[in-house]
Amino acid sequence: MDRLTSPSTINAIKKRYNFYFNKRYGQNFLTDVNIIEKILEGSNITKEDYILEIGPGIGTLTQFLCERSAHVLAIEIDKNLMPILGETLADFSNKTIINADVLRIDISEELSKISGKQFKVIANLPYYITSEIVMTLLENKLPIESITVMVQKEVAHRMVATPGTKDYGSLSVAVQYYSRPEIITIVPKTVFIPQPKVESCVIKLNVLDNPPVKSDKDEFFKVVKASFSMRRKTLLNCLSSGLELDKEQVTEILQKSHVDPVRRGETLSLEEFATVANNYISFKSKI
């Protein structure tokens, strides 16, 4: 079986199938076996694991996944890659390949067709849609144990950012509400065909059974969204505008939460956001 990390092999496949990279799908094929090994090691895949791969491309990583797991469900949006995957994965019986947009299908249903067990997600995501796909996977309570993805380095840093840092924002809070993120490795742009314009990171999101804080989810994220709605404004101004409350009312909520009204949203921890949200809920119940 030919490995698909060689640029000459990739180019030969492109020529044989008259395949052209589609910018709309953000296609960048990995050419470095060492990076693949780091992905596999970081995701802790075993022969008992069921894998959901999003964006298999020509099957470069998929071959390794099939060798090391129980079954791989690969979802590829580009119909022009389906015959290529048929060739490159022909030696494996433990795979299911679907031509679909992962954001437009019932992922839970597709997973249940393969197994009732937990899945590990592996994905090389188009940079322009990374956050939407990740949040779809996290928010929908799917049977997913972990998500190991290749993302833009800047996005990875935002996902793992801590309060008070320049990268900390609503994405940081959302990802850390549902998972425990850790950066596996930085990936230079030189190991892709074609080369992207930015460096990448492999990041692993260890999905939590329960959120790390106790609060109504909808109200929690309503407060988070409002807090980051005006980056350089104080919480007093952001929450007054975002929650449609008088500043006196917001001040009361923040004081009960032991949060200074002049602080900014990017300084609050998840615990503090939860406290504010809970006091906001309590305040509304009295109106």
C-alpha atoms as a PDB file:
ATOM      1  CA  MET A   1       0.000   0.000   0.000  1.00  0.00           C
ATOM      2  CA  ASP A   2       1.417   3.364  -1.033  1.00  0.00           C
ATOM      3  CA  ARG A   3       1.651   6.063   1.619  1.00  0.00           C
ATOM      4  CA  LEU A   4       0.157   9.360   0.567  1.00  0.00           C
ATOM      5  CA  THR A   5       2.547  11.821   2.205  1.00  0.00           C
ATOM      6  CA  SER A   6       4.910  12.035  -0.745  1.00  0.00           C
ATOM      7  CA  PRO A   7       4.361  15.156  -2.911  1.00  0.00           C
ATOM      8  CA  SER A   8       5.084  13.079  -6.011  1.00  0.00           C
ATOM      9  CA  THR A   9       2.408  10.549  -5.020  1.00  0.00           C
ATOM     10  CA  ILE A  10      -0.098  13.322  -4.353  1.00  0.00           C
ATOM     11  CA  ASN A  11       0.645  14.942  -7.704  1.00  0.00           C
ATOM     12  CA  ALA A  12       0.358  11.590  -9.487  1.00  0.00           C
ATOM     13  CA  ILE A  13      -3.086  11.023  -7.947  1.00  0.00           C
ATOM     14  CA  LYS A  14      -4.174  14.537  -8.900  1.00  0.00           C
ATOM     15  CA  LYS A  15      -3.105  13.935 -12.481  1.00  0.00           C
ATOM     16  CA  ARG A  16      -4.679  10.478 -12.710  1.00  0.00           C
ATOM     17  CA  TYR A  17      -8.044  11.718 -11.484  1.00  0.00           C
ATOM     18  CA  ASN A  18      -7.807  15.194 -13.011  1.00  0.00           C
ATOM     19  CA  PHE A  19      -8.262  16.593  -9.508  1.00  0.00           C
ATOM     20  CA  TYR A  20      -7.842  20.254  -8.663  1.00  0.00           C
ATOM     21  CA  PHE A  21      -7.734  21.801  -5.198  1.00  0.00           C
ATOM     22  CA  ASN A  22     -10.932  23.612  -4.312  1.00  0.00           C
ATOM     23  CA  LYS A  23     -10.362  26.845  -2.375  1.00  0.00           C
ATOM     24  CA  ARG A  24     -13.996  26.761  -1.273  1.00  0.00           C
ATOM     25  CA  TYR A  25     -13.234  23.674   0.805  1.00  0.00           C
ATOM     26  CA  GLY A  26      -9.929  24.931   2.191  1.00  0.00           C
ATOM     27  CA  GLN A  27      -8.043  21.852   0.998  1.00  0.00           C
ATOM     28  CA  ASN A  28      -4.467  21.407   2.224  1.00  0.00           C
ATOM     29  CA  PHE A  29      -3.049  17.869   2.134  1.00  0.00           C
ATOM     30  CA  LEU A  30      -0.531  16.833   4.803  1.00  0.00           C
ATOM     31  CA  THR A  31       2.867  15.584   3.595  1.00  0.00           C
ATOM     32  CA  ASP A  32       4.727  14.870   6.850  1.00  0.00           C
ATOM     33  CA  VAL A  33       4.565  11.439   8.502  1.00  0.00           C
ATOM     34  CA  ASN A  34       6.027  12.859  11.720  1.00  0.00           C
ATOM     35  CA  ILE A  35       3.048  15.199  12.103  1.00  0.00           C
ATOM     36  CA  ILE A  36       0.682  12.299  11.455  1.00  0.00           C
ATOM     37  CA  GLU A  37       2.394  10.281  14.188  1.00  0.00           C
ATOM     38  CA  LYS A  38       2.009  13.204  16.604  1.00  0.00           C
ATOM     39  CA  ILE A  39      -1.708  13.388  15.768  1.00  0.00           C
ATOM     40  CA  LEU A  40      -2.115   9.668  16.389  1.00  0.00           C
ATOM     41  CA  GLU A  41      -0.100   9.765  19.602  1.00  0.00           C
ATOM     42  CA  GLY A  42      -1.906  12.854  20.879  1.00  0.00           C
ATOM     43  CA  SER A  43      -5.343  11.374  20.233  1.00  0.00           C
ATOM     44  CA  ASN A  44      -4.435   8.107  22.013  1.00  0.00           C
ATOM     45  CA  ILE A  45      -6.045   5.888  19.399  1.00  0.00           C
ATOM     46  CA  THR A  46      -6.292   2.164  20.119  1.00  0.00           C
ATOM     47  CA  LYS A  47      -7.578  -0.832  18.143  1.00  0.00           C
ATOM     48  CA  GLU A  48     -10.810  -0.652  20.157  1.00  0.00           C
ATOM     49  CA  ASP A  49     -11.582   2.944  19.163  1.00  0.00           C
ATOM     50  CA  TYR A  50     -14.191   4.189  16.727  1.00  0.00           C
ATOM     51  CA  ILE A  51     -13.098   7.240  14.747  1.00  0.00           C
ATOM     52  CA  LEU A  52     -15.028  10.053  13.105  1.00  0.00           C
ATOM     53  CA  GLU A  53     -12.753  11.750  10.557  1.00  0.00           C
ATOM     54  CA  ILE A  54     -13.924  15.008   9.030  1.00  0.00           C
ATOM     55  CA  GLY A  55     -12.241  15.954   5.772  1.00  0.00           C
ATOM     56  CA  PRO A  56     -10.163  12.873   4.877  1.00  0.00           C
ATOM     57  CA  GLY A  57      -8.972  14.454   1.626  1.00  0.00           C
ATOM     58  CA  ILE A  58      -7.193  11.760  -0.369  1.00  0.00           C
ATOM     59  CA  GLY A  59      -6.988   9.475   2.680  1.00  0.00           C
ATOM     60  CA  THR A  60      -3.485  10.321   3.909  1.00  0.00           C
ATOM     61  CA  LEU A  61      -4.344  10.196   7.617  1.00  0.00           C
ATOM     62  CA  THR A  62      -7.260   7.827   7.064  1.00  0.00           C
ATOM     63  CA  GLN A  63      -4.933   4.965   6.126  1.00  0.00           C
ATOM     64  CA  PHE A  64      -3.164   5.255   9.487  1.00  0.00           C
ATOM     65  CA  LEU A  65      -6.487   5.536  11.311  1.00  0.00           C
ATOM     66  CA  CYS A  66      -7.828   2.376   9.684  1.00  0.00           C
ATOM     67  CA  GLU A  67      -4.682   0.490  10.667  1.00  0.00           C
ATOM     68  CA  ARG A  68      -4.892   1.527  14.304  1.00  0.00           C
ATOM     69  CA  SER A  69      -8.610   1.635  15.138  1.00  0.00           C
ATOM     70  CA  ALA A  70     -11.726  -0.546  15.082  1.00  0.00           C
ATOM     71  CA  HIS A  71     -13.587   1.509  12.449  1.00  0.00           C
ATOM     72  CA  VAL A  72     -13.313   4.872  10.711  1.00  0.00           C
ATOM     73  CA  LEU A  73     -16.315   6.912   9.614  1.00  0.00           C
ATOM     74  CA  ALA A  74     -14.936   9.501   7.181  1.00  0.00           C
ATOM     75  CA  ILE A  75     -17.085  12.419   6.026  1.00  0.00           C
ATOM     76  CA  GLU A  76     -15.840  14.224   2.923  1.00  0.00           C
ATOM     77  CA  ILE A  77     -17.668  17.186   1.385  1.00  0.00           C
ATOM     78  CA  ASP A  78     -15.904  17.125  -2.001  1.00  0.00           C
ATOM     79  CA  LYS A  79     -17.533  14.578  -4.332  1.00  0.00           C
ATOM     80  CA  ASN A  80     -14.467  14.677  -6.585  1.00  0.00           C
ATOM     81  CA  LEU A  81     -12.438  12.998  -3.833  1.00  0.00           C
ATOM     82  CA  MET A  82     -14.750  10.005  -3.488  1.00  0.00           C
ATOM     83  CA  PRO A  83     -13.226   7.910  -6.309  1.00  0.00           C
ATOM     84  CA  ILE A  84      -9.749   8.726  -5.007  1.00  0.00           C
ATOM     85  CA  LEU A  85     -10.705   7.562  -1.516  1.00  0.00           C
ATOM     86  CA  GLY A  86     -12.157   4.440  -3.071  1.00  0.00           C
ATOM     87  CA  GLU A  87      -8.696   3.660  -4.425  1.00  0.00           C
ATOM     88  CA  THR A  88      -6.485   4.755  -1.548  1.00  0.00           C
ATOM     89  CA  LEU A  89      -8.610   2.999   1.105  1.00  0.00           C
ATOM     90  CA  ALA A  90      -9.404  -0.105  -0.933  1.00  0.00           C
ATOM     91  CA  ASP A  91      -7.300  -2.335   1.332  1.00  0.00           C
ATOM     92  CA  PHE A  92      -9.409  -1.547   4.403  1.00  0.00           C
ATOM     93  CA  SER A  93     -12.751  -3.076   5.300  1.00  0.00           C
ATOM     94  CA  ASN A  94     -13.105  -1.145   8.579  1.00  0.00           C
ATOM     95  CA  LYS A  95     -14.123   2.150   7.028  1.00  0.00           C
ATOM     96  CA  THR A  96     -17.275   3.960   5.971  1.00  0.00           C
ATOM     97  CA  ILE A  97     -16.964   6.942   3.641  1.00  0.00           C
ATOM     98  CA  ILE A  98     -19.760   9.468   3.282  1.00  0.00           C
ATOM     99  CA  ASN A  99     -19.923  12.305   0.769  1.00  0.00           C
ATOM    100  CA  ALA A 100     -21.653  15.018   2.778  1.00  0.00           C
ATOM    101  CA  ASP A 101     -21.354  18.375   4.506  1.00  0.00           C
ATOM    102  CA  VAL A 102     -20.822  17.576   8.194  1.00  0.00           C
ATOM    103  CA  LEU A 103     -22.848  20.675   9.137  1.00  0.00           C
ATOM    104  CA  ARG A 104     -25.875  19.510   7.146  1.00  0.00           C
ATOM    105  CA  ILE A 105     -26.230  15.893   8.208  1.00  0.00           C
ATOM    106  CA  ASP A 106     -27.477  14.215  11.368  1.00  0.00           C
ATOM    107  CA  ILE A 107     -24.093  13.291  12.849  1.00  0.00           C
ATOM    108  CA  SER A 108     -25.665  11.386  15.735  1.00  0.00           C
ATOM    109  CA  GLU A 109     -27.592   9.166  13.334  1.00  0.00           C
ATOM    110  CA  GLU A 110     -24.502   8.443  11.236  1.00  0.00           C
ATOM    111  CA  LEU A 111     -22.470   7.539  14.323  1.00  0.00           C
ATOM    112  CA  SER A 112     -25.207   5.230  15.627  1.00  0.00           C
ATOM    113  CA  LYS A 113     -25.137   3.290  12.345  1.00  0.00           C
ATOM    114  CA  ILE A 114     -21.508   2.373  13.033  1.00  0.00           C
ATOM    115  CA  SER A 115     -21.473   1.799  16.780  1.00  0.00           C
ATOM    116  CA  GLY A 116     -23.205   2.668  20.012  1.00  0.00           C
ATOM    117  CA  LYS A 117     -19.847   3.390  21.607  1.00  0.00           C
ATOM    118  CA  GLN A 118     -17.984   6.671  22.104  1.00  0.00           C
ATOM    119  CA  PHE A 119     -16.092   8.087  19.122  1.00  0.00           C
ATOM    120  CA  LYS A 120     -12.849   9.999  18.842  1.00  0.00           C
ATOM    121  CA  VAL A 121     -12.912  12.793  16.284  1.00  0.00           C
ATOM    122  CA  ILE A 122      -9.937  13.486  14.021  1.00  0.00           C
ATOM    123  CA  ALA A 123     -10.188  16.387  11.595  1.00  0.00           C
ATOM    124  CA  ASN A 124      -8.160  18.640   9.324  1.00  0.00           C
ATOM    125  CA  LEU A 125     -10.679  21.461   9.168  1.00  0.00           C
ATOM    126  CA  PRO A 126     -10.981  24.297   6.649  1.00  0.00           C
ATOM    127  CA  TYR A 127      -9.789  27.337   8.568  1.00  0.00           C
ATOM    128  CA  TYR A 128     -12.744  29.508   7.602  1.00  0.00           C
ATOM    129  CA  ILE A 129     -15.237  27.169   9.255  1.00  0.00           C
ATOM    130  CA  THR A 130     -13.216  25.655  12.116  1.00  0.00           C
ATOM    131  CA  SER A 131     -15.097  27.234  15.011  1.00  0.00           C
ATOM    132  CA  GLU A 132     -18.521  26.399  13.599  1.00  0.00           C
ATOM    133  CA  ILE A 133     -17.684  22.714  13.167  1.00  0.00           C
ATOM    134  CA  VAL A 134     -15.993  22.403  16.558  1.00  0.00           C
ATOM    135  CA  MET A 135     -18.890  24.058  18.360  1.00  0.00           C
ATOM    136  CA  THR A 136     -21.406  21.894  16.482  1.00  0.00           C
ATOM    137  CA  LEU A 137     -19.590  18.797  17.734  1.00  0.00           C
ATOM    138  CA  LEU A 138     -19.377  20.113  21.299  1.00  0.00           C
ATOM    139  CA  GLU A 139     -22.863  21.568  21.682  1.00  0.00           C
ATOM    140  CA  ASN A 140     -24.920  18.656  20.378  1.00  0.00           C
ATOM    141  CA  LYS A 141     -24.090  16.137  23.111  1.00  0.00           C
ATOM    142  CA  LEU A 142     -22.792  13.584  20.642  1.00  0.00           C
ATOM    143  CA  PRO A 143     -21.144  10.337  21.783  1.00  0.00           C
ATOM    144  CA  ILE A 144     -17.684  11.874  21.455  1.00  0.00           C
ATOM    145  CA  GLU A 145     -14.790  11.300  23.842  1.00  0.00           C
ATOM    146  CA  SER A 146     -12.294  13.688  22.307  1.00  0.00           C
ATOM    147  CA  ILE A 147     -11.753  15.951  19.305  1.00  0.00           C
ATOM    148  CA  THR A 148      -8.264  16.201  17.811  1.00  0.00           C
ATOM    149  CA  VAL A 149      -8.140  18.780  15.032  1.00  0.00           C
ATOM    150  CA  MET A 150      -5.743  20.674  12.823  1.00  0.00           C
ATOM    151  CA  VAL A 151      -6.598  24.345  13.106  1.00  0.00           C
ATOM    152  CA  GLN A 152      -5.039  27.728  12.458  1.00  0.00           C
ATOM    153  CA  LYS A 153      -2.461  28.437  15.188  1.00  0.00           C
ATOM    154  CA  GLU A 154      -4.213  31.647  16.161  1.00  0.00           C
ATOM    155  CA  VAL A 155      -7.487  29.768  16.720  1.00  0.00           C
ATOM    156  CA  ALA A 156      -5.763  27.088  18.808  1.00  0.00           C
ATOM    157  CA  HIS A 157      -4.266  29.773  21.043  1.00  0.00           C
ATOM    158  CA  ARG A 158      -7.712  31.315  21.492  1.00  0.00           C
ATOM    159  CA  MET A 159      -9.174  27.947  22.484  1.00  0.00           C
ATOM    160  CA  VAL A 160      -6.642  27.360  25.267  1.00  0.00           C
ATOM    161  CA  ALA A 161      -6.336  31.002  26.385  1.00  0.00           C
ATOM    162  CA  THR A 162      -6.730  31.946  30.032  1.00  0.00           C
ATOM    163  CA  PRO A 163      -8.484  35.014  31.511  1.00  0.00           C
ATOM    164  CA  GLY A 164      -6.603  38.271  31.197  1.00  0.00           C
ATOM    165  CA  THR A 165      -4.603  37.274  28.096  1.00  0.00           C
ATOM    166  CA  LYS A 166      -4.968  38.874  24.676  1.00  0.00           C
ATOM    167  CA  ASP A 167      -6.312  35.673  23.091  1.00  0.00           C
ATOM    168  CA  TYR A 168      -9.024  35.066  25.687  1.00  0.00           C
ATOM    169  CA  GLY A 169     -12.538  35.580  24.376  1.00  0.00           C
ATOM    170  CA  SER A 170     -15.939  34.006  23.866  1.00  0.00           C
ATOM    171  CA  LEU A 171     -14.424  31.071  21.910  1.00  0.00           C
ATOM    172  CA  SER A 172     -12.099  30.330  24.849  1.00  0.00           C
ATOM    173  CA  VAL A 173     -15.044  30.261  27.245  1.00  0.00           C
ATOM    174  CA  ALA A 174     -17.219  28.136  24.954  1.00  0.00           C
ATOM    175  CA  VAL A 175     -14.545  25.527  24.254  1.00  0.00           C
ATOM    176  CA  GLN A 176     -13.540  25.306  27.922  1.00  0.00           C
ATOM    177  CA  TYR A 177     -17.186  25.017  28.995  1.00  0.00           C
ATOM    178  CA  TYR A 178     -17.473  21.769  27.037  1.00  0.00           C
ATOM    179  CA  SER A 179     -13.929  20.413  27.037  1.00  0.00           C
ATOM    180  CA  ARG A 180     -10.393  20.494  28.372  1.00  0.00           C
ATOM    181  CA  PRO A 181      -8.229  21.746  25.472  1.00  0.00           C
ATOM    182  CA  GLU A 182      -4.515  21.086  25.017  1.00  0.00           C
ATOM    183  CA  ILE A 183      -2.173  21.921  22.141  1.00  0.00           C
ATOM    184  CA  ILE A 184      -0.451  18.805  20.783  1.00  0.00           C
ATOM    185  CA  THR A 185       1.997  20.343  18.339  1.00  0.00           C
ATOM    186  CA  ILE A 186       2.631  23.327  16.093  1.00  0.00           C
ATOM    187  CA  VAL A 187       2.568  22.511  12.380  1.00  0.00           C
ATOM    188  CA  PRO A 188       4.589  24.587   9.896  1.00  0.00           C
ATOM    189  CA  LYS A 189       2.881  25.595   6.664  1.00  0.00           C
ATOM    190  CA  THR A 190       5.651  23.879   4.662  1.00  0.00           C
ATOM    191  CA  VAL A 191       4.236  20.384   5.330  1.00  0.00           C
ATOM    192  CA  PHE A 192       1.079  20.918   3.265  1.00  0.00           C
ATOM    193  CA  ILE A 193       0.195  20.830  -0.415  1.00  0.00           C
ATOM    194  CA  PRO A 194      -0.766  23.515  -1.264  1.00  0.00           C
ATOM    195  CA  GLN A 195       0.855  25.566   1.481  1.00  0.00           C
ATOM    196  CA  PRO A 196      -1.556  27.623   3.605  1.00  0.00           C
ATOM    197  CA  LYS A 197      -0.676  31.218   4.401  1.00  0.00           C
ATOM    198  CA  VAL A 198      -0.496  30.625   8.151  1.00  0.00           C
ATOM    199  CA  GLU A 199       0.960  28.141  10.624  1.00  0.00           C
ATOM    200  CA  SER A 200      -1.290  25.474  12.090  1.00  0.00           C
ATOM    201  CA  CYS A 201      -1.696  23.640  15.378  1.00  0.00           C
ATOM    202  CA  VAL A 202      -2.980  20.242  16.302  1.00  0.00           C
ATOM    203  CA  ILE A 203      -5.220  20.710  19.326  1.00  0.00           C
ATOM    204  CA  LYS A 204      -7.031  18.073  21.367  1.00  0.00           C
ATOM    205  CA  LEU A 205     -10.308  18.808  23.121  1.00  0.00           C
ATOM    206  CA  ASN A 206     -11.022  16.283  25.852  1.00  0.00           C
ATOM    207  CA  VAL A 207     -14.816  16.396  26.036  1.00  0.00           C
ATOM    208  CA  LEU A 208     -16.199  16.820  29.560  1.00  0.00           C
ATOM    209  CA  ASP A 209     -19.077  14.731  30.882  1.00  0.00           C
ATOM    210  CA  ASN A 210     -20.423  17.841  32.611  1.00  0.00           C
ATOM    211  CA  PRO A 211     -19.595  21.552  32.404  1.00  0.00           C
ATOM    212  CA  PRO A 212     -16.986  22.745  34.932  1.00  0.00           C
ATOM    213  CA  VAL A 213     -19.452  25.310  36.320  1.00  0.00           C
ATOM    214  CA  LYS A 214     -23.067  25.150  37.450  1.00  0.00           C
ATOM    215  CA  SER A 215     -25.432  27.537  35.700  1.00  0.00           C
ATOM    216  CA  ASP A 216     -28.240  27.478  33.179  1.00  0.00           C
ATOM    217  CA  LYS A 217     -26.446  27.013  29.857  1.00  0.00           C
ATOM    218  CA  ASP A 218     -28.521  29.489  27.857  1.00  0.00           C
ATOM    219  CA  GLU A 219     -28.281  32.222  30.473  1.00  0.00           C
ATOM    220  CA  PHE A 220     -24.570  31.531  30.977  1.00  0.00           C
ATOM    221  CA  PHE A 221     -23.804  32.074  27.304  1.00  0.00           C
ATOM    222  CA  LYS A 222     -26.141  35.050  27.128  1.00  0.00           C
ATOM    223  CA  VAL A 223     -23.990  36.717  29.774  1.00  0.00           C
ATOM    224  CA  VAL A 224     -20.765  35.634  28.038  1.00  0.00           C
ATOM    225  CA  LYS A 225     -21.934  36.976  24.680  1.00  0.00           C
ATOM    226  CA  ALA A 226     -22.920  40.296  26.212  1.00  0.00           C
ATOM    227  CA  SER A 227     -19.640  40.558  28.125  1.00  0.00           C
ATOM    228  CA  PHE A 228     -17.581  40.266  24.936  1.00  0.00           C
ATOM    229  CA  SER A 229     -19.899  42.334  22.757  1.00  0.00           C
ATOM    230  CA  MET A 230     -17.702  45.439  23.096  1.00  0.00           C
ATOM    231  CA  ARG A 231     -14.137  44.325  23.641  1.00  0.00           C
ATOM    232  CA  ARG A 232     -12.708  47.453  25.234  1.00  0.00           C
ATOM    233  CA  LYS A 233     -15.783  48.418  27.239  1.00  0.00           C
ATOM    234  CA  THR A 234     -16.394  47.653  30.890  1.00  0.00           C
ATOM    235  CA  LEU A 235     -18.701  44.888  32.048  1.00  0.00           C
ATOM    236  CA  LEU A 236     -21.086  47.564  33.262  1.00  0.00           C
ATOM    237  CA  ASN A 237     -21.496  48.958  29.765  1.00  0.00           C
ATOM    238  CA  CYS A 238     -21.458  45.597  27.969  1.00  0.00           C
ATOM    239  CA  LEU A 239     -24.016  43.916  30.211  1.00  0.00           C
ATOM    240  CA  SER A 240     -26.257  46.957  30.333  1.00  0.00           C
ATOM    241  CA  SER A 241     -26.416  46.962  26.549  1.00  0.00           C
ATOM    242  CA  GLY A 242     -26.383  43.215  25.954  1.00  0.00           C
ATOM    243  CA  LEU A 243     -28.882  42.273  28.676  1.00  0.00           C
ATOM    244  CA  GLU A 244     -30.996  45.403  28.184  1.00  0.00           C
ATOM    245  CA  LEU A 245     -30.762  46.443  31.829  1.00  0.00           C
ATOM    246  CA  ASP A 246     -30.219  49.758  33.534  1.00  0.00           C
ATOM    247  CA  LYS A 247     -26.687  50.323  34.770  1.00  0.00           C
ATOM    248  CA  GLU A 248     -27.983  50.380  38.335  1.00  0.00           C
ATOM    249  CA  GLN A 249     -29.448  46.902  37.825  1.00  0.00           C
ATOM    250  CA  VAL A 250     -26.225  45.595  36.307  1.00  0.00           C
ATOM    251  CA  THR A 251     -24.233  47.098  39.166  1.00  0.00           C
ATOM    252  CA  GLU A 252     -26.449  45.257  41.656  1.00  0.00           C
ATOM    253  CA  ILE A 253     -25.911  41.934  39.846  1.00  0.00           C
ATOM    254  CA  LEU A 254     -22.150  42.421  39.644  1.00  0.00           C
ATOM    255  CA  GLN A 255     -21.832  43.487  43.268  1.00  0.00           C
ATOM    256  CA  LYS A 256     -23.661  40.351  44.385  1.00  0.00           C
ATOM    257  CA  SER A 257     -21.247  38.393  42.199  1.00  0.00           C
ATOM    258  CA  HIS A 258     -18.240  40.137  43.804  1.00  0.00           C
ATOM    259  CA  VAL A 259     -17.172  41.385  40.370  1.00  0.00           C
ATOM    260  CA  ASP A 260     -16.007  44.965  39.916  1.00  0.00           C
ATOM    261  CA  PRO A 261     -18.247  46.699  37.316  1.00  0.00           C
ATOM    262  CA  VAL A 262     -15.215  48.380  35.726  1.00  0.00           C
ATOM    263  CA  ARG A 263     -13.600  45.051  34.826  1.00  0.00           C
ATOM    264  CA  ARG A 264     -13.733  43.804  31.243  1.00  0.00           C
ATOM    265  CA  GLY A 265     -15.175  40.526  30.033  1.00  0.00           C
ATOM    266  CA  GLU A 266     -11.786  39.147  29.025  1.00  0.00           C
ATOM    267  CA  THR A 267     -10.696  39.124  32.698  1.00  0.00           C
ATOM    268  CA  LEU A 268     -13.477  36.852  33.983  1.00  0.00           C
ATOM    269  CA  SER A 269     -13.013  33.135  34.590  1.00  0.00           C
ATOM    270  CA  LEU A 270     -15.706  30.582  33.771  1.00  0.00           C
ATOM    271  CA  GLU A 271     -16.561  30.454  37.475  1.00  0.00           C
ATOM    272  CA  GLU A 272     -17.090  34.210  37.579  1.00  0.00           C
ATOM    273  CA  PHE A 273     -19.235  34.141  34.433  1.00  0.00           C
ATOM    274  CA  ALA A 274     -21.360  31.430  36.055  1.00  0.00           C
ATOM    275  CA  THR A 275     -21.750  33.465  39.239  1.00  0.00           C
ATOM    276  CA  VAL A 276     -22.841  36.522  37.266  1.00  0.00           C
ATOM    277  CA  ALA A 277     -25.255  34.406  35.216  1.00  0.00           C
ATOM    278  CA  ASN A 278     -26.770  32.860  38.345  1.00  0.00           C
ATOM    279  CA  ASN A 279     -27.273  36.274  39.944  1.00  0.00           C
ATOM    280  CA  TYR A 280     -28.748  37.543  36.676  1.00  0.00           C
ATOM    281  CA  ILE A 281     -31.246  34.662  36.754  1.00  0.00           C
ATOM    282  CA  SER A 282     -32.073  35.457  40.373  1.00  0.00           C
ATOM    283  CA  PHE A 283     -32.541  39.132  39.529  1.00  0.00           C
ATOM    284  CA  LYS A 284     -34.910  38.355  36.638  1.00  0.00           C
ATOM    285  CA  SER A 285     -37.032  36.093  38.823  1.00  0.00           C
ATOM    286  CA  LYS A 286     -37.779  39.033  41.108  1.00  0.00           C
ATOM    287  CA  ILE A 287     -38.884  41.418  38.370  1.00  0.00           C
END
